[in-house]
Amino acid sequence: YVLEAEDNTVQTITQITTMDCTGFVDGQLEIIEKAAEEYKLIYDAIDGVTYNVEIKDNSMIETLTIDATNKTTLEALFEQNLLPLEKGDYIALDKTVEALCANGWVVAESSTDK
């Protein structure tokens, strides 16, 4: 995840996932592509969310970007269980980082460390 924040309020959330598709057997990639198409329809219906999937060189690259300043966007994501955070009017950077670290994520770089 990349969390862009101002003060303690997350402004943008970007998640980039890369999946190595080398060695997939017939039909596996099609199943993943179909699931990605379904998620694209869901995310495209939510204002403030961009979702893209690109398949190249035996890899699938999924990019999800969320405008975390838009209360309507956050409500839609919470209602559809697409954002694994507590419901609220904004996303607090410190609580988000704390929750991610508690679930095994590691902060690779922080502008507050500089």
Protein backbone atom coordinates (compact mmCIF):
# COMPACT_ATOMS: atom_id res chain seq x y z
CA TYR A 1 0.00 0.00 0.00
CA VAL A 2 1.00 3.60 -0.55
CA LEU A 3 -0.76 6.00 1.79
CA GLU A 4 -0.52 9.67 0.95
CA ALA A 5 -1.50 11.85 3.90
CA GLU A 6 -1.73 15.39 5.05
CA ASP A 7 -1.21 15.72 8.78
CA ASN A 8 -2.84 12.53 10.08
CA THR A 9 -5.55 12.25 7.40
CA VAL A 10 -5.02 9.84 4.52
CA GLN A 11 -5.68 11.58 1.21
CA THR A 12 -5.05 8.76 -1.26
CA ILE A 13 -4.64 5.00 -0.96
CA THR A 14 -2.87 3.15 -3.75
CA GLN A 15 -2.52 -0.61 -3.80
CA ILE A 16 -0.43 -2.27 -6.50
CA THR A 17 -0.44 -6.06 -6.62
CA THR A 18 1.71 -8.06 -9.01
CA MET A 19 0.99 -11.74 -9.58
CA ASP A 20 3.44 -14.01 -11.37
CA CYS A 21 1.37 -16.08 -13.80
CA THR A 22 4.26 -18.28 -14.96
CA GLY A 23 3.27 -21.92 -14.84
CA PHE A 24 -0.47 -21.36 -14.86
CA VAL A 25 -2.36 -24.20 -16.51
CA ASP A 26 -5.05 -23.72 -19.14
CA GLY A 27 -8.01 -21.83 -17.77
CA GLN A 28 -6.39 -20.38 -14.65
CA LEU A 29 -5.55 -17.03 -16.22
CA GLU A 30 -9.05 -16.77 -17.69
CA ILE A 31 -10.56 -17.28 -14.22
CA ILE A 32 -8.39 -14.48 -12.82
CA GLU A 33 -9.21 -12.19 -15.74
CA LYS A 34 -12.93 -12.81 -15.21
CA ALA A 35 -12.64 -11.99 -11.49
CA ALA A 36 -10.71 -8.81 -12.35
CA GLU A 37 -13.46 -7.79 -14.79
CA GLU A 38 -16.07 -8.27 -12.04
CA TYR A 39 -14.07 -6.14 -9.60
CA LYS A 40 -13.61 -3.48 -12.28
CA LEU A 41 -17.40 -3.24 -12.65
CA ILE A 42 -17.81 -2.90 -8.88
CA TYR A 43 -15.06 -0.30 -8.44
CA ASP A 44 -16.04 1.67 -11.56
CA ALA A 45 -19.47 2.21 -10.00
CA ILE A 46 -17.86 4.01 -7.04
CA ASP A 47 -16.92 7.64 -7.59
CA GLY A 48 -13.39 8.31 -6.40
CA VAL A 49 -12.02 4.83 -7.12
CA THR A 50 -9.84 3.75 -10.03
CA TYR A 51 -9.16 0.06 -10.70
CA ASN A 52 -7.05 -1.32 -13.52
CA VAL A 53 -5.56 -4.69 -14.40
CA GLU A 54 -2.82 -5.23 -16.94
CA ILE A 55 -1.49 -8.60 -18.02
CA LYS A 56 1.92 -8.67 -19.65
CA ASP A 57 5.05 -10.79 -19.66
CA ASN A 58 3.45 -13.59 -17.60
CA SER A 59 2.44 -11.13 -14.87
CA MET A 60 -0.83 -9.57 -13.81
CA ILE A 61 -0.52 -6.07 -12.37
CA GLU A 62 -3.55 -4.80 -10.46
CA THR A 63 -3.72 -1.14 -9.42
CA LEU A 64 -6.38 0.26 -7.08
CA THR A 65 -6.45 3.97 -6.21
CA ILE A 66 -8.89 5.43 -3.69
CA ASP A 67 -9.65 9.10 -3.03
CA ALA A 68 -9.76 8.88 0.76
CA THR A 69 -10.95 12.49 1.11
CA ASN A 70 -14.35 11.74 -0.41
CA LYS A 71 -16.80 10.72 2.33
CA THR A 72 -19.23 9.23 -0.22
CA THR A 73 -16.43 7.08 -1.64
CA LEU A 74 -15.49 5.82 1.81
CA GLU A 75 -19.12 5.04 2.69
CA ALA A 76 -19.60 3.04 -0.54
CA LEU A 77 -16.41 1.06 0.08
CA PHE A 78 -17.36 0.33 3.71
CA GLU A 79 -20.92 -0.70 2.76
CA GLN A 80 -19.58 -3.21 0.23
CA ASN A 81 -16.85 -4.47 2.59
CA LEU A 82 -14.17 -3.34 0.13
CA LEU A 83 -12.18 -1.32 2.65
CA PRO A 84 -10.93 -3.28 5.68
CA LEU A 85 -10.95 -0.34 8.07
CA GLU A 86 -13.33 1.07 10.64
CA LYS A 87 -16.13 3.18 9.24
CA GLY A 88 -15.66 6.91 9.68
CA ASP A 89 -15.54 10.30 8.01
CA TYR A 90 -11.82 10.06 7.31
CA ILE A 91 -8.96 7.57 7.49
CA ALA A 92 -6.39 8.26 10.19
CA LEU A 93 -2.85 7.55 9.03
CA ASP A 94 -1.53 6.50 12.44
CA LYS A 95 -4.35 4.03 13.09
CA THR A 96 -4.11 2.61 9.57
CA VAL A 97 -0.36 2.03 9.84
CA GLU A 98 -0.83 0.52 13.31
CA ALA A 99 -3.50 -1.89 12.01
CA LEU A 100 -1.43 -2.90 8.98
CA CYS A 101 1.66 -3.54 11.13
CA ALA A 102 -0.43 -5.59 13.58
CA ASN A 103 -1.38 -7.80 10.63
CA GLY A 104 2.20 -8.39 9.54
CA TRP A 105 2.79 -5.49 7.14
CA VAL A 106 6.05 -3.58 7.38
CA VAL A 107 6.49 0.15 6.81
CA ALA A 108 9.14 0.32 4.10
CA GLU A 109 9.47 4.08 3.92
CA SER A 110 7.89 6.98 5.66
CA SER A 111 8.33 10.63 4.84
CA THR A 112 8.05 11.30 8.58
CA ASP A 113 11.26 9.29 9.05
CA LYS A 114 13.24 11.76 6.93
